[in-house]
């Protein structure tokens, strides 16, 4: 009879330990991470960093190469075509060009602002032949893409 009491006591202690561990592990569970929040687009990221909005109806392209990124927009105006560049680039001097594949025409130097670089310029070039946008530094072409 004494052996039966010891057996019941040991089973009871093991049951209490198991229940305690289960309860304790449920209490210390980390909160689930909400992975459903969307990653901001390059456009949203640049708008937030540079504090400027990009017109929804403008023709635009995203230029990305590693950490370097930019959005170039084009809008027709009475006196030509407005080209805007919003860029997140390392510190340096940058110039934007329009290229036809053989020649590159400079359209302006990017101005450094808090968080990146911007350029707003009106060009009178025939953009049907100058469709490639290049952003260059002293080391060469940093970003480029086709502006449709």
N, C-alpha and C. Protein backbone atom coordinates (compact mmCIF):
# COMPACT_ATOMS: atom_id res chain seq x y z
N UNK A 1 0.82 -1.19 0.00
CA UNK A 1 0.00 0.00 0.00
C UNK A 1 0.87 1.26 0.00
N UNK A 2 1.94 1.20 0.73
CA UNK A 2 2.85 2.33 0.79
C UNK A 2 3.43 2.62 -0.59
N UNK A 3 3.71 1.59 -1.39
CA UNK A 3 4.25 1.74 -2.73
C UNK A 3 3.25 2.42 -3.65
N UNK A 4 1.98 2.12 -3.51
CA UNK A 4 0.92 2.73 -4.32
C UNK A 4 0.82 4.23 -4.03
N UNK A 5 0.96 4.64 -2.77
CA UNK A 5 0.91 6.07 -2.41
C UNK A 5 2.09 6.82 -3.05
N UNK A 6 3.27 6.22 -3.03
CA UNK A 6 4.44 6.84 -3.63
C UNK A 6 4.25 6.98 -5.14
N UNK A 7 3.72 5.96 -5.77
CA UNK A 7 3.50 5.99 -7.20
C UNK A 7 2.51 7.10 -7.58
N UNK A 8 1.41 7.22 -6.83
CA UNK A 8 0.41 8.26 -7.09
C UNK A 8 1.02 9.65 -6.85
N UNK A 9 1.85 9.78 -5.83
CA UNK A 9 2.48 11.07 -5.53
C UNK A 9 3.44 11.48 -6.67
N UNK A 10 4.21 10.53 -7.16
CA UNK A 10 5.14 10.82 -8.25
C UNK A 10 4.38 11.21 -9.52
N UNK A 11 3.32 10.48 -9.86
CA UNK A 11 2.51 10.80 -11.04
C UNK A 11 1.89 12.19 -10.89
N UNK A 12 1.42 12.53 -9.69
CA UNK A 12 0.82 13.84 -9.45
C UNK A 12 1.85 14.95 -9.61
N UNK A 13 3.07 14.76 -9.10
CA UNK A 13 4.13 15.77 -9.23
C UNK A 13 4.50 15.95 -10.70
N UNK A 14 4.65 14.85 -11.45
CA UNK A 14 4.97 14.93 -12.87
C UNK A 14 3.85 15.67 -13.62
N UNK A 15 2.60 15.38 -13.29
CA UNK A 15 1.47 16.04 -13.95
C UNK A 15 1.47 17.55 -13.66
N UNK A 16 1.77 17.93 -12.42
CA UNK A 16 1.83 19.35 -12.07
C UNK A 16 2.97 20.04 -12.84
N UNK A 17 4.13 19.39 -12.95
CA UNK A 17 5.26 19.96 -13.68
C UNK A 17 4.91 20.13 -15.16
N UNK A 18 4.30 19.14 -15.77
CA UNK A 18 3.93 19.20 -17.18
C UNK A 18 2.91 20.33 -17.41
N UNK A 19 1.90 20.42 -16.58
CA UNK A 19 0.89 21.47 -16.71
C UNK A 19 1.51 22.85 -16.51
N UNK A 20 2.39 22.99 -15.55
CA UNK A 20 3.05 24.27 -15.30
C UNK A 20 3.87 24.70 -16.51
N UNK A 21 4.64 23.76 -17.09
CA UNK A 21 5.47 24.08 -18.26
C UNK A 21 4.61 24.47 -19.47
N UNK A 22 3.51 23.77 -19.68
CA UNK A 22 2.62 24.13 -20.79
C UNK A 22 2.04 25.52 -20.60
N UNK A 23 1.57 25.81 -19.41
CA UNK A 23 0.98 27.12 -19.13
C UNK A 23 2.03 28.22 -19.28
N UNK A 24 3.21 27.98 -18.76
CA UNK A 24 4.29 28.96 -18.80
C UNK A 24 4.76 29.21 -20.24
N UNK A 25 4.85 28.17 -21.06
CA UNK A 25 5.30 28.35 -22.44
C UNK A 25 4.26 29.11 -23.26
N UNK A 26 2.97 28.97 -22.96
CA UNK A 26 1.93 29.72 -23.66
C UNK A 26 1.97 31.19 -23.26
N UNK A 27 2.32 31.48 -22.04
CA UNK A 27 2.38 32.86 -21.57
C UNK A 27 3.58 33.60 -22.15
N UNK A 28 4.68 32.89 -22.42
CA UNK A 28 5.90 33.53 -22.91
C UNK A 28 6.02 33.50 -24.43
N UNK A 29 4.96 33.11 -25.13
CA UNK A 29 5.00 33.06 -26.58
C UNK A 29 5.13 34.47 -27.13
N UNK A 30 6.02 34.67 -28.09
CA UNK A 30 6.12 36.00 -28.70
C UNK A 30 4.87 36.30 -29.52
N UNK A 31 4.57 37.59 -29.63
CA UNK A 31 3.42 38.01 -30.42
C UNK A 31 3.69 37.68 -31.88
N UNK A 32 2.68 37.21 -32.59
CA UNK A 32 2.91 36.92 -34.01
C UNK A 32 3.21 38.21 -34.78
N UNK A 33 4.12 38.12 -35.72
CA UNK A 33 4.51 39.28 -36.52
C UNK A 33 3.52 39.42 -37.66
N UNK A 34 3.05 40.64 -37.88
CA UNK A 34 2.11 40.91 -38.96
C UNK A 34 2.87 41.09 -40.26
N UNK A 35 2.93 40.03 -41.04
CA UNK A 35 3.65 40.09 -42.32
C UNK A 35 2.77 40.59 -43.45
N UNK A 36 1.55 40.96 -43.15
CA UNK A 36 0.63 41.38 -44.21
C UNK A 36 0.80 42.84 -44.59
N UNK A 37 1.58 43.61 -43.80
CA UNK A 37 1.75 45.02 -44.15
C UNK A 37 2.62 45.11 -45.40
N UNK A 38 2.18 45.86 -46.39
CA UNK A 38 2.92 45.91 -47.65
C UNK A 38 4.23 46.68 -47.52
N UNK A 39 5.21 46.25 -48.28
CA UNK A 39 6.47 46.97 -48.35
C UNK A 39 6.24 48.19 -49.23
N UNK A 40 6.68 49.36 -48.76
CA UNK A 40 6.43 50.54 -49.60
C UNK A 40 7.15 50.43 -50.94
N UNK A 41 6.50 50.92 -51.98
CA UNK A 41 7.12 50.91 -53.31
C UNK A 41 8.26 51.93 -53.34
N UNK A 42 9.06 51.85 -54.37
CA UNK A 42 10.15 52.82 -54.52
C UNK A 42 9.57 54.22 -54.59
N UNK A 43 8.46 54.36 -55.31
CA UNK A 43 7.81 55.67 -55.43
C UNK A 43 7.38 56.19 -54.06
N UNK A 44 6.71 55.37 -53.28
CA UNK A 44 6.27 55.79 -51.94
C UNK A 44 7.45 56.10 -51.05
N UNK A 45 8.49 55.27 -51.15
CA UNK A 45 9.69 55.47 -50.33
C UNK A 45 10.35 56.81 -50.65
N UNK A 46 10.52 57.11 -51.94
CA UNK A 46 11.15 58.37 -52.33
C UNK A 46 10.27 59.57 -51.98
N UNK A 47 8.96 59.43 -52.15
CA UNK A 47 8.06 60.52 -51.78
C UNK A 47 8.18 60.84 -50.30
N UNK A 48 8.26 59.79 -49.49
CA UNK A 48 8.37 59.99 -48.04
C UNK A 48 9.72 60.59 -47.66
N UNK A 49 10.80 60.05 -48.19
CA UNK A 49 12.14 60.50 -47.84
C UNK A 49 12.38 61.93 -48.30
N UNK A 50 11.94 62.26 -49.53
CA UNK A 50 12.22 63.57 -50.10
C UNK A 50 11.12 64.60 -49.85
N UNK A 51 10.00 64.16 -49.30
CA UNK A 51 8.92 65.08 -48.98
C UNK A 51 8.25 65.70 -50.19
N UNK A 52 8.24 64.97 -51.30
CA UNK A 52 7.58 65.45 -52.52
C UNK A 52 6.65 64.38 -53.04
N UNK A 53 5.58 64.80 -53.68
CA UNK A 53 4.69 63.81 -54.26
C UNK A 53 4.92 63.74 -55.77
N UNK A 54 4.66 62.58 -56.31
CA UNK A 54 4.85 62.33 -57.73
C UNK A 54 3.47 62.27 -58.36
N UNK A 55 3.26 63.02 -59.42
CA UNK A 55 1.96 63.06 -60.09
C UNK A 55 1.57 61.67 -60.58
N UNK A 56 0.33 61.28 -60.31
CA UNK A 56 -0.14 59.96 -60.71
C UNK A 56 -0.27 59.83 -62.23
N UNK A 57 -0.56 60.95 -62.91
CA UNK A 57 -0.79 60.88 -64.35
C UNK A 57 0.47 61.07 -65.18
N UNK A 58 1.61 61.26 -64.54
CA UNK A 58 2.87 61.45 -65.27
C UNK A 58 3.43 60.11 -65.74
N UNK A 59 4.12 60.13 -66.90
CA UNK A 59 4.85 58.95 -67.33
C UNK A 59 6.06 58.82 -66.42
N UNK A 60 6.31 57.62 -65.92
CA UNK A 60 7.42 57.47 -64.97
C UNK A 60 8.11 56.13 -65.13
N UNK A 61 9.37 56.14 -64.74
CA UNK A 61 10.14 54.90 -64.68
C UNK A 61 10.90 54.87 -63.35
N UNK A 62 11.09 53.67 -62.86
CA UNK A 62 11.89 53.46 -61.65
C UNK A 62 13.26 52.96 -62.08
N UNK A 63 14.28 53.58 -61.55
CA UNK A 63 15.66 53.16 -61.81
C UNK A 63 16.23 52.61 -60.52
N UNK A 64 16.67 51.36 -60.54
CA UNK A 64 17.19 50.74 -59.33
C UNK A 64 18.45 49.95 -59.67
N UNK A 65 19.47 50.14 -58.84
CA UNK A 65 20.69 49.36 -58.95
C UNK A 65 21.25 49.23 -57.54
N UNK A 66 20.97 48.13 -56.89
CA UNK A 66 21.40 47.94 -55.50
C UNK A 66 20.72 48.95 -54.59
N UNK A 67 21.51 49.72 -53.86
CA UNK A 67 20.98 50.73 -52.95
C UNK A 67 20.59 52.02 -53.67
N UNK A 68 21.07 52.21 -54.89
CA UNK A 68 20.75 53.41 -55.66
C UNK A 68 19.38 53.27 -56.28
N UNK A 69 18.55 54.29 -56.11
CA UNK A 69 17.22 54.23 -56.72
C UNK A 69 16.74 55.63 -57.05
N UNK A 70 15.92 55.70 -58.10
CA UNK A 70 15.39 56.98 -58.55
C UNK A 70 14.10 56.75 -59.30
N UNK A 71 13.31 57.80 -59.36
CA UNK A 71 12.12 57.81 -60.21
C UNK A 71 12.25 59.02 -61.12
N UNK A 72 12.06 58.78 -62.41
CA UNK A 72 12.10 59.85 -63.40
C UNK A 72 10.70 59.97 -63.99
N UNK A 73 10.16 61.19 -64.00
CA UNK A 73 8.84 61.42 -64.57
C UNK A 73 8.94 62.40 -65.73
N UNK A 74 7.98 62.28 -66.63
CA UNK A 74 7.92 63.22 -67.76
C UNK A 74 6.47 63.62 -67.95
N UNK A 75 6.29 64.93 -68.11
CA UNK A 75 4.95 65.48 -68.34
C UNK A 75 5.05 66.52 -69.45
N UNK A 76 4.16 66.41 -70.43
CA UNK A 76 4.12 67.40 -71.52
C UNK A 76 3.56 68.71 -71.01
N UNK A 77 4.20 69.80 -71.43
CA UNK A 77 3.77 71.15 -71.09
C UNK A 77 3.79 72.00 -72.36
N UNK A 78 3.26 73.20 -72.27
CA UNK A 78 3.21 74.08 -73.44
C UNK A 78 4.60 74.42 -73.97
N UNK A 79 5.56 74.61 -73.07
CA UNK A 79 6.89 75.05 -73.48
C UNK A 79 7.90 73.92 -73.59
N UNK A 80 7.45 72.68 -73.61
CA UNK A 80 8.36 71.54 -73.72
C UNK A 80 7.89 70.38 -72.87
N UNK A 81 8.82 69.62 -72.39
CA UNK A 81 8.51 68.47 -71.54
C UNK A 81 9.21 68.64 -70.20
N UNK A 82 8.42 68.55 -69.13
CA UNK A 82 8.97 68.65 -67.77
C UNK A 82 9.50 67.29 -67.37
N UNK A 83 10.79 67.24 -67.05
CA UNK A 83 11.44 66.03 -66.56
C UNK A 83 11.76 66.26 -65.08
N UNK A 84 11.34 65.33 -64.25
CA UNK A 84 11.64 65.40 -62.82
C UNK A 84 12.36 64.13 -62.41
N UNK A 85 13.37 64.30 -61.58
CA UNK A 85 14.13 63.17 -61.05
C UNK A 85 14.10 63.27 -59.53
N UNK A 86 13.68 62.20 -58.87
CA UNK A 86 13.79 62.06 -57.42
C UNK A 86 14.70 60.88 -57.18
N UNK A 87 15.78 61.07 -56.46
CA UNK A 87 16.78 60.00 -56.33
C UNK A 87 17.27 59.84 -54.90
N UNK A 88 17.51 58.61 -54.53
CA UNK A 88 18.15 58.26 -53.26
C UNK A 88 19.50 57.67 -53.63
N UNK A 89 20.53 58.49 -53.51
CA UNK A 89 21.88 58.12 -53.92
C UNK A 89 22.88 58.49 -52.84
N UNK A 90 24.06 57.86 -52.81
CA UNK A 90 25.09 58.26 -51.86
C UNK A 90 25.55 59.68 -52.16
N UNK A 91 26.22 60.27 -51.20
CA UNK A 91 26.70 61.64 -51.37
C UNK A 91 27.61 61.74 -52.58
N UNK A 92 27.39 62.78 -53.39
CA UNK A 92 28.21 62.98 -54.58
C UNK A 92 27.61 64.02 -55.49
N UNK A 93 28.21 64.19 -56.65
CA UNK A 93 27.70 65.11 -57.67
C UNK A 93 27.11 64.27 -58.79
N UNK A 94 25.87 64.56 -59.16
CA UNK A 94 25.17 63.77 -60.17
C UNK A 94 24.59 64.68 -61.24
N UNK A 95 24.60 64.19 -62.47
CA UNK A 95 24.03 64.89 -63.60
C UNK A 95 23.11 63.92 -64.33
N UNK A 96 21.97 64.45 -64.81
CA UNK A 96 21.04 63.64 -65.59
C UNK A 96 21.23 63.93 -67.07
N UNK A 97 21.14 62.88 -67.87
CA UNK A 97 21.29 62.99 -69.32
C UNK A 97 20.12 62.29 -70.00
N UNK A 98 19.77 62.76 -71.19
CA UNK A 98 18.89 62.03 -72.10
C UNK A 98 19.77 61.55 -73.23
N UNK A 99 19.60 60.28 -73.59
CA UNK A 99 20.48 59.69 -74.59
C UNK A 99 19.64 59.04 -75.70
N UNK A 100 20.19 59.09 -76.93
CA UNK A 100 19.55 58.41 -78.05
C UNK A 100 20.30 57.11 -78.38
N UNK A 101 21.21 56.73 -77.53
CA UNK A 101 22.00 55.53 -77.75
C UNK A 101 23.41 55.84 -78.22
N UNK A 102 23.55 56.97 -78.92
CA UNK A 102 24.86 57.37 -79.40
C UNK A 102 25.34 58.66 -78.73
N UNK A 103 24.45 59.61 -78.60
CA UNK A 103 24.79 60.89 -77.96
C UNK A 103 23.96 61.05 -76.70
N UNK A 104 24.56 61.71 -75.73
CA UNK A 104 23.85 62.00 -74.47
C UNK A 104 23.82 63.50 -74.28
N UNK A 105 22.63 64.03 -74.08
CA UNK A 105 22.44 65.46 -73.86
C UNK A 105 22.21 65.71 -72.37
N UNK A 106 23.05 66.54 -71.74
CA UNK A 106 22.82 66.83 -70.31
C UNK A 106 21.54 67.65 -70.14
N UNK A 107 20.73 67.26 -69.15
CA UNK A 107 19.50 68.02 -68.89
C UNK A 107 19.56 68.75 -67.56
N UNK A 108 20.55 68.46 -66.75
CA UNK A 108 20.70 69.20 -65.52
C UNK A 108 21.45 68.45 -64.44
N UNK A 109 21.93 69.23 -63.49
CA UNK A 109 22.63 68.68 -62.34
C UNK A 109 21.61 68.46 -61.22
N UNK A 110 21.68 67.31 -60.57
CA UNK A 110 20.76 67.01 -59.47
C UNK A 110 21.16 67.83 -58.25
N UNK A 111 20.17 68.40 -57.59
CA UNK A 111 20.40 69.20 -56.39
C UNK A 111 20.22 68.32 -55.16
N UNK A 112 21.15 68.46 -54.23
CA UNK A 112 21.07 67.68 -52.99
C UNK A 112 20.03 68.32 -52.07
N UNK A 113 19.13 67.50 -51.57
CA UNK A 113 18.13 67.93 -50.60
C UNK A 113 18.16 66.93 -49.46
N UNK A 114 17.46 67.25 -48.39
CA UNK A 114 17.42 66.34 -47.25
C UNK A 114 16.91 64.97 -47.70
N UNK A 115 17.74 63.97 -47.59
CA UNK A 115 17.33 62.61 -47.92
C UNK A 115 17.67 62.15 -49.32
N UNK A 116 18.16 63.03 -50.20
CA UNK A 116 18.45 62.57 -51.55
C UNK A 116 18.74 63.70 -52.51
N UNK A 117 18.32 63.50 -53.76
CA UNK A 117 18.60 64.45 -54.83
C UNK A 117 17.35 64.65 -55.67
N UNK A 118 17.21 65.87 -56.22
CA UNK A 118 16.09 66.16 -57.11
C UNK A 118 16.58 66.98 -58.30
N UNK A 119 15.80 66.90 -59.36
CA UNK A 119 16.01 67.73 -60.54
C UNK A 119 14.65 67.96 -61.18
N UNK A 120 14.32 69.20 -61.45
CA UNK A 120 13.13 69.57 -62.21
C UNK A 120 13.60 70.46 -63.34
N UNK A 121 13.36 70.04 -64.56
CA UNK A 121 13.79 70.83 -65.71
C UNK A 121 12.82 70.64 -66.87
N UNK A 122 12.73 71.64 -67.70
CA UNK A 122 11.92 71.55 -68.90
C UNK A 122 12.86 71.44 -70.09
N UNK A 123 12.63 70.42 -70.93
CA UNK A 123 13.49 70.21 -72.10
C UNK A 123 12.68 70.39 -73.38
N UNK A 124 13.36 70.82 -74.42
CA UNK A 124 12.69 71.00 -75.70
C UNK A 124 13.18 69.97 -76.73
N UNK A 125 13.91 68.97 -76.27
CA UNK A 125 14.40 67.91 -77.17
C UNK A 125 13.23 67.06 -77.65
N UNK A 126 13.39 66.47 -78.83
CA UNK A 126 12.42 65.51 -79.34
C UNK A 126 12.65 64.20 -78.60
N UNK A 127 11.78 63.91 -77.66
CA UNK A 127 12.00 62.73 -76.81
C UNK A 127 11.72 61.41 -77.52
N UNK A 128 11.22 61.47 -78.74
CA UNK A 128 11.01 60.22 -79.47
C UNK A 128 12.36 59.57 -79.82
N UNK A 129 13.40 60.39 -79.96
CA UNK A 129 14.72 59.82 -80.24
C UNK A 129 15.59 59.76 -78.98
N UNK A 130 15.32 60.61 -77.99
CA UNK A 130 16.08 60.60 -76.74
C UNK A 130 15.22 59.91 -75.68
N UNK A 131 15.31 58.59 -75.62
CA UNK A 131 14.43 57.87 -74.71
C UNK A 131 15.14 57.28 -73.49
N UNK A 132 16.45 57.26 -73.50
CA UNK A 132 17.19 56.69 -72.36
C UNK A 132 17.57 57.81 -71.39
N UNK A 133 17.27 57.57 -70.12
CA UNK A 133 17.65 58.51 -69.06
C UNK A 133 18.86 57.91 -68.35
N UNK A 134 19.87 58.73 -68.13
CA UNK A 134 21.06 58.30 -67.41
C UNK A 134 21.34 59.27 -66.27
N UNK A 135 21.69 58.73 -65.14
CA UNK A 135 22.17 59.54 -64.02
C UNK A 135 23.62 59.14 -63.83
N UNK A 136 24.50 60.14 -63.92
CA UNK A 136 25.92 59.85 -63.87
C UNK A 136 26.59 60.58 -62.71
N UNK A 137 27.74 60.05 -62.34
CA UNK A 137 28.62 60.70 -61.36
C UNK A 137 30.01 60.73 -62.00
N UNK A 138 30.99 61.13 -61.25
CA UNK A 138 32.36 61.16 -61.76
C UNK A 138 32.84 59.76 -62.13
N UNK A 139 32.23 58.74 -61.54
CA UNK A 139 32.63 57.35 -61.80
C UNK A 139 31.91 56.73 -62.98
N UNK A 140 31.01 57.46 -63.65
CA UNK A 140 30.28 56.92 -64.80
C UNK A 140 28.79 56.85 -64.53
N UNK A 141 28.09 56.03 -65.30
CA UNK A 141 26.64 55.91 -65.19
C UNK A 141 26.28 55.17 -63.91
N UNK A 142 25.44 55.80 -63.10
CA UNK A 142 25.01 55.21 -61.83
C UNK A 142 23.69 54.48 -62.02
N UNK A 143 22.76 55.12 -62.74
CA UNK A 143 21.44 54.53 -63.03
C UNK A 143 21.07 54.90 -64.44
N UNK A 144 20.30 54.00 -65.09
CA UNK A 144 19.77 54.34 -66.40
C UNK A 144 18.54 53.50 -66.69
N UNK A 145 17.70 54.02 -67.58
CA UNK A 145 16.49 53.30 -67.97
C UNK A 145 15.85 53.98 -69.15
N UNK A 146 14.85 53.32 -69.72
CA UNK A 146 14.13 53.82 -70.90
C UNK A 146 12.90 54.60 -70.42
N UNK A 147 12.80 55.84 -70.86
CA UNK A 147 11.65 56.67 -70.55
C UNK A 147 10.72 56.63 -71.74
N UNK A 148 9.57 56.01 -71.57
CA UNK A 148 8.61 55.85 -72.67
C UNK A 148 7.71 57.04 -72.82
